[in-house]
Amino acid sequence: MYKPLKKEIVSVLVLNQANVLTRVVSLFGRRGFNIDSLTVSATNDPALSRITIVFSATEQSMQQIITQTEKLEVVKSIYILNRENSLYRELLLLKVNATPEELSTIKDIVDVYRGKIVDLSTDSMIIELTGTPEKIDGFMDVIKDYDISEVCRTGITGIESKVVKNKNDYL
């Protein structure tokens, strides 16, 4: 029987030590999960780091991977970022080759998406855009007709306004 996959964003607070990222990510890999996006960042506590993982799973496999991740001694807390109570952001850096005639049109597109042109030369520009993954995807769809030479996306990072304390609250 087919069980639908659901894309989830999980936030994991871990000890800020060597090899912690490898331990967490390898657990996902050993269990057969493909990670769509992965970001790691410092927190306000120098002893902790935050790992944000985006992946798809069934409800049952989601519960299993969270329970297994929680058991790692380097993990302090783990919770699913609820889409209704969370804020997600991603950073895009995009290099576009452009003729002088195209520069104005591309600038107008960048302005609509509230991006910034952070570097400009006679034949190219580098654009910086921050926003939700959907905003970044929309921008990429609009700009695809231009000569894109490089794309760099950070992956999703997020924060929830209400931290889940009880393991059963996030399933």
C-alpha atoms as a PDB file:
ATOM      1  CA  MET A   1       0.000   0.000   0.000  1.00  0.00           C
ATOM      2  CA  TYR A   2       1.358   3.412  -1.030  1.00  0.00           C
ATOM      3  CA  LYS A   3       1.921   5.902   1.771  1.00  0.00           C
ATOM      4  CA  PRO A   4       2.267   9.535   0.686  1.00  0.00           C
ATOM      5  CA  LEU A   5       5.469  11.396   1.387  1.00  0.00           C
ATOM      6  CA  LYS A   6       5.278  14.728   3.135  1.00  0.00           C
ATOM      7  CA  LYS A   7       8.034  17.347   3.010  1.00  0.00           C
ATOM      8  CA  GLU A   8       9.048  18.353   6.516  1.00  0.00           C
ATOM      9  CA  ILE A   9      11.474  20.838   8.002  1.00  0.00           C
ATOM     10  CA  VAL A  10      13.130  19.682  11.206  1.00  0.00           C
ATOM     11  CA  SER A  11      15.170  21.845  13.558  1.00  0.00           C
ATOM     12  CA  VAL A  12      17.771  20.034  15.673  1.00  0.00           C
ATOM     13  CA  LEU A  13      19.707  21.709  18.495  1.00  0.00           C
ATOM     14  CA  VAL A  14      23.013  19.910  18.941  1.00  0.00           C
ATOM     15  CA  LEU A  15      26.240  20.285  20.880  1.00  0.00           C
ATOM     16  CA  ASN A  16      28.710  22.488  19.040  1.00  0.00           C
ATOM     17  CA  GLN A  17      31.428  19.835  18.654  1.00  0.00           C
ATOM     18  CA  ALA A  18      33.416  18.193  15.900  1.00  0.00           C
ATOM     19  CA  ASN A  19      31.683  15.422  13.916  1.00  0.00           C
ATOM     20  CA  VAL A  20      28.186  16.209  15.251  1.00  0.00           C
ATOM     21  CA  LEU A  21      26.882  17.115  11.794  1.00  0.00           C
ATOM     22  CA  THR A  22      28.284  13.891  10.364  1.00  0.00           C
ATOM     23  CA  ARG A  23      26.594  11.822  13.066  1.00  0.00           C
ATOM     24  CA  VAL A  24      23.180  13.418  12.539  1.00  0.00           C
ATOM     25  CA  VAL A  25      23.291  13.399   8.735  1.00  0.00           C
ATOM     26  CA  SER A  26      24.648   9.846   8.531  1.00  0.00           C
ATOM     27  CA  LEU A  27      21.727   8.669  10.692  1.00  0.00           C
ATOM     28  CA  PHE A  28      19.334  10.054   8.073  1.00  0.00           C
ATOM     29  CA  GLY A  29      21.361   8.469   5.256  1.00  0.00           C
ATOM     30  CA  ARG A  30      21.540   5.057   6.920  1.00  0.00           C
ATOM     31  CA  ARG A  31      17.754   5.102   7.305  1.00  0.00           C
ATOM     32  CA  GLY A  32      17.291   5.836   3.584  1.00  0.00           C
ATOM     33  CA  PHE A  33      16.230   9.475   3.795  1.00  0.00           C
ATOM     34  CA  ASN A  34      17.281  11.883   1.071  1.00  0.00           C
ATOM     35  CA  ILE A  35      18.013  15.321   2.512  1.00  0.00           C
ATOM     36  CA  ASP A  36      16.670  18.078   0.252  1.00  0.00           C
ATOM     37  CA  SER A  37      18.246  20.948   2.166  1.00  0.00           C
ATOM     38  CA  LEU A  38      20.640  21.209   5.090  1.00  0.00           C
ATOM     39  CA  THR A  39      21.830  24.272   6.974  1.00  0.00           C
ATOM     40  CA  VAL A  40      23.873  24.593  10.130  1.00  0.00           C
ATOM     41  CA  SER A  41      24.226  27.754  12.153  1.00  0.00           C
ATOM     42  CA  ALA A  42      25.411  29.104  15.456  1.00  0.00           C
ATOM     43  CA  THR A  43      22.904  29.907  18.189  1.00  0.00           C
ATOM     44  CA  ASN A  44      22.900  32.447  20.993  1.00  0.00           C
ATOM     45  CA  ASP A  45      24.540  29.739  23.143  1.00  0.00           C
ATOM     46  CA  PRO A  46      28.139  29.058  21.978  1.00  0.00           C
ATOM     47  CA  ALA A  47      27.831  25.463  23.190  1.00  0.00           C
ATOM     48  CA  LEU A  48      24.962  24.734  20.751  1.00  0.00           C
ATOM     49  CA  SER A  49      24.406  24.740  16.993  1.00  0.00           C
ATOM     50  CA  ARG A  50      21.167  24.480  15.019  1.00  0.00           C
ATOM     51  CA  ILE A  51      20.821  22.023  12.143  1.00  0.00           C
ATOM     52  CA  THR A  52      17.830  22.602   9.854  1.00  0.00           C
ATOM     53  CA  ILE A  53      16.990  19.568   7.715  1.00  0.00           C
ATOM     54  CA  VAL A  54      14.414  19.437   4.908  1.00  0.00           C
ATOM     55  CA  PHE A  55      13.386  15.962   3.751  1.00  0.00           C
ATOM     56  CA  SER A  56      10.349  13.927   2.695  1.00  0.00           C
ATOM     57  CA  ALA A  57       8.927  11.033   4.681  1.00  0.00           C
ATOM     58  CA  THR A  58       5.749   9.173   5.548  1.00  0.00           C
ATOM     59  CA  GLU A  59       4.160   9.911   8.933  1.00  0.00           C
ATOM     60  CA  GLN A  60       5.472   6.624  10.338  1.00  0.00           C
ATOM     61  CA  SER A  61       9.031   7.052   9.063  1.00  0.00           C
ATOM     62  CA  MET A  62       8.996  10.686  10.264  1.00  0.00           C
ATOM     63  CA  GLN A  63       8.209   9.536  13.794  1.00  0.00           C
ATOM     64  CA  GLN A  64      10.948   6.894  13.631  1.00  0.00           C
ATOM     65  CA  ILE A  65      13.701   9.231  12.418  1.00  0.00           C
ATOM     66  CA  ILE A  66      12.817  11.858  15.024  1.00  0.00           C
ATOM     67  CA  THR A  67      12.877   9.274  17.804  1.00  0.00           C
ATOM     68  CA  GLN A  68      16.225   7.889  16.588  1.00  0.00           C
ATOM     69  CA  THR A  69      17.738  11.371  16.226  1.00  0.00           C
ATOM     70  CA  GLU A  70      16.580  12.289  19.728  1.00  0.00           C
ATOM     71  CA  LYS A  71      18.526   9.321  21.113  1.00  0.00           C
ATOM     72  CA  LEU A  72      21.876  10.688  19.918  1.00  0.00           C
ATOM     73  CA  GLU A  73      23.697  12.044  22.970  1.00  0.00           C
ATOM     74  CA  VAL A  74      24.804  15.146  21.030  1.00  0.00           C
ATOM     75  CA  VAL A  75      21.172  16.140  20.339  1.00  0.00           C
ATOM     76  CA  LYS A  76      19.626  18.507  22.887  1.00  0.00           C
ATOM     77  CA  SER A  77      16.227  18.928  21.195  1.00  0.00           C
ATOM     78  CA  ILE A  78      14.478  18.244  17.909  1.00  0.00           C
ATOM     79  CA  TYR A  79      11.192  19.486  16.557  1.00  0.00           C
ATOM     80  CA  ILE A  80       9.300  19.825  13.310  1.00  0.00           C
ATOM     81  CA  LEU A  81       8.866  23.421  12.207  1.00  0.00           C
ATOM     82  CA  ASN A  82       5.112  23.852  11.905  1.00  0.00           C
ATOM     83  CA  ARG A  83       4.310  25.691   8.673  1.00  0.00           C
ATOM     84  CA  GLU A  84       1.668  27.881  10.322  1.00  0.00           C
ATOM     85  CA  ASN A  85       3.909  29.044  13.195  1.00  0.00           C
ATOM     86  CA  SER A  86       7.301  29.207  11.522  1.00  0.00           C
ATOM     87  CA  LEU A  87       9.301  31.598   9.437  1.00  0.00           C
ATOM     88  CA  TYR A  88      11.469  30.144   6.643  1.00  0.00           C
ATOM     89  CA  ARG A  89      14.153  31.897   4.670  1.00  0.00           C
ATOM     90  CA  GLU A  90      16.680  31.014   2.014  1.00  0.00           C
ATOM     91  CA  LEU A  91      19.466  33.043   0.393  1.00  0.00           C
ATOM     92  CA  LEU A  92      20.128  33.045  -3.337  1.00  0.00           C
ATOM     93  CA  LEU A  93      23.222  34.381  -5.071  1.00  0.00           C
ATOM     94  CA  LEU A  94      22.823  34.421  -8.845  1.00  0.00           C
ATOM     95  CA  LYS A  95      25.285  35.497 -11.522  1.00  0.00           C
ATOM     96  CA  VAL A  96      23.659  36.609 -14.774  1.00  0.00           C
ATOM     97  CA  ASN A  97      25.492  37.456 -17.972  1.00  0.00           C
ATOM     98  CA  ALA A  98      23.727  40.454 -19.469  1.00  0.00           C
ATOM     99  CA  THR A  99      24.099  42.909 -22.304  1.00  0.00           C
ATOM    100  CA  PRO A 100      23.826  46.607 -21.461  1.00  0.00           C
ATOM    101  CA  GLU A 101      20.300  46.552 -22.951  1.00  0.00           C
ATOM    102  CA  GLU A 102      19.215  43.733 -20.600  1.00  0.00           C
ATOM    103  CA  LEU A 103      20.568  45.313 -17.411  1.00  0.00           C
ATOM    104  CA  SER A 104      17.591  47.624 -16.915  1.00  0.00           C
ATOM    105  CA  THR A 105      15.024  44.862 -17.422  1.00  0.00           C
ATOM    106  CA  ILE A 106      16.836  42.537 -15.034  1.00  0.00           C
ATOM    107  CA  LYS A 107      17.104  45.338 -12.462  1.00  0.00           C
ATOM    108  CA  ASP A 108      13.328  45.831 -12.665  1.00  0.00           C
ATOM    109  CA  ILE A 109      12.767  42.115 -12.010  1.00  0.00           C
ATOM    110  CA  VAL A 110      15.186  42.205  -9.068  1.00  0.00           C
ATOM    111  CA  ASP A 111      13.343  45.232  -7.651  1.00  0.00           C
ATOM    112  CA  VAL A 112       9.952  43.495  -7.882  1.00  0.00           C
ATOM    113  CA  TYR A 113      11.342  40.606  -5.828  1.00  0.00           C
ATOM    114  CA  ARG A 114      13.061  43.037  -3.404  1.00  0.00           C
ATOM    115  CA  GLY A 115      16.489  41.660  -4.232  1.00  0.00           C
ATOM    116  CA  LYS A 116      19.796  43.488  -4.490  1.00  0.00           C
ATOM    117  CA  ILE A 117      22.388  43.759  -7.191  1.00  0.00           C
ATOM    118  CA  VAL A 118      25.573  43.272  -5.176  1.00  0.00           C
ATOM    119  CA  ASP A 119      28.088  43.287  -8.026  1.00  0.00           C
ATOM    120  CA  LEU A 120      27.903  44.789 -11.488  1.00  0.00           C
ATOM    121  CA  SER A 121      30.278  44.691 -14.429  1.00  0.00           C
ATOM    122  CA  THR A 122      29.893  45.588 -18.090  1.00  0.00           C
ATOM    123  CA  ASP A 123      28.681  42.118 -19.021  1.00  0.00           C
ATOM    124  CA  SER A 124      27.320  40.509 -15.835  1.00  0.00           C
ATOM    125  CA  MET A 125      25.750  41.087 -12.445  1.00  0.00           C
ATOM    126  CA  ILE A 126      25.430  39.211  -9.191  1.00  0.00           C
ATOM    127  CA  ILE A 127      22.022  39.292  -7.555  1.00  0.00           C
ATOM    128  CA  GLU A 128      21.274  38.606  -3.896  1.00  0.00           C
ATOM    129  CA  LEU A 129      17.762  37.574  -2.920  1.00  0.00           C
ATOM    130  CA  THR A 130      16.418  36.436   0.424  1.00  0.00           C
ATOM    131  CA  GLY A 131      12.985  34.974   0.968  1.00  0.00           C
ATOM    132  CA  THR A 132      10.834  31.924   1.251  1.00  0.00           C
ATOM    133  CA  PRO A 133      11.717  28.957  -0.945  1.00  0.00           C
ATOM    134  CA  GLU A 134       8.577  29.711  -2.993  1.00  0.00           C
ATOM    135  CA  LYS A 135       9.734  33.298  -3.586  1.00  0.00           C
ATOM    136  CA  ILE A 136      13.182  32.086  -4.666  1.00  0.00           C
ATOM    137  CA  ASP A 137      11.602  29.498  -6.997  1.00  0.00           C
ATOM    138  CA  GLY A 138       9.315  32.178  -8.471  1.00  0.00           C
ATOM    139  CA  PHE A 139      12.249  34.495  -9.099  1.00  0.00           C
ATOM    140  CA  MET A 140      14.210  31.681 -10.740  1.00  0.00           C
ATOM    141  CA  ASP A 141      11.235  30.954 -13.005  1.00  0.00           C
ATOM    142  CA  VAL A 142      11.051  34.610 -14.129  1.00  0.00           C
ATOM    143  CA  ILE A 143      14.809  35.043 -14.622  1.00  0.00           C
ATOM    144  CA  LYS A 144      15.403  31.712 -16.415  1.00  0.00           C
ATOM    145  CA  ASP A 145      15.201  33.279 -19.885  1.00  0.00           C
ATOM    146  CA  TYR A 146      18.407  35.233 -19.224  1.00  0.00           C
ATOM    147  CA  ASP A 147      21.947  33.850 -19.432  1.00  0.00           C
ATOM    148  CA  ILE A 148      22.458  32.495 -15.898  1.00  0.00           C
ATOM    149  CA  SER A 149      26.075  31.474 -15.371  1.00  0.00           C
ATOM    150  CA  GLU A 150      26.045  30.521 -11.682  1.00  0.00           C
ATOM    151  CA  VAL A 151      23.468  29.760  -8.990  1.00  0.00           C
ATOM    152  CA  CYS A 152      24.137  29.326  -5.294  1.00  0.00           C
ATOM    153  CA  ARG A 153      21.290  28.648  -2.819  1.00  0.00           C
ATOM    154  CA  THR A 154      21.901  28.286   0.891  1.00  0.00           C
ATOM    155  CA  GLY A 155      19.059  25.949   1.706  1.00  0.00           C
ATOM    156  CA  ILE A 156      16.252  26.634   4.119  1.00  0.00           C
ATOM    157  CA  THR A 157      16.679  27.894   7.625  1.00  0.00           C
ATOM    158  CA  GLY A 158      13.758  28.514   9.890  1.00  0.00           C
ATOM    159  CA  ILE A 159      12.552  29.407  13.312  1.00  0.00           C
ATOM    160  CA  GLU A 160       9.292  28.607  15.040  1.00  0.00           C
ATOM    161  CA  SER A 161       7.541  31.122  17.234  1.00  0.00           C
ATOM    162  CA  LYS A 162       6.447  28.403  19.692  1.00  0.00           C
ATOM    163  CA  VAL A 163       9.060  25.797  20.598  1.00  0.00           C
ATOM    164  CA  VAL A 164       7.553  22.363  21.108  1.00  0.00           C
ATOM    165  CA  LYS A 165       8.470  20.900  24.478  1.00  0.00           C
ATOM    166  CA  ASN A 166       6.670  17.565  24.336  1.00  0.00           C
ATOM    167  CA  LYS A 167       7.807  14.971  21.814  1.00  0.00           C
ATOM    168  CA  ASN A 168       4.171  14.024  21.038  1.00  0.00           C
ATOM    169  CA  ASP A 169       3.276  17.645  20.174  1.00  0.00           C
ATOM    170  CA  TYR A 170       5.239  17.638  16.913  1.00  0.00           C
ATOM    171  CA  LEU A 171       3.737  14.522  15.365  1.00  0.00           C
END
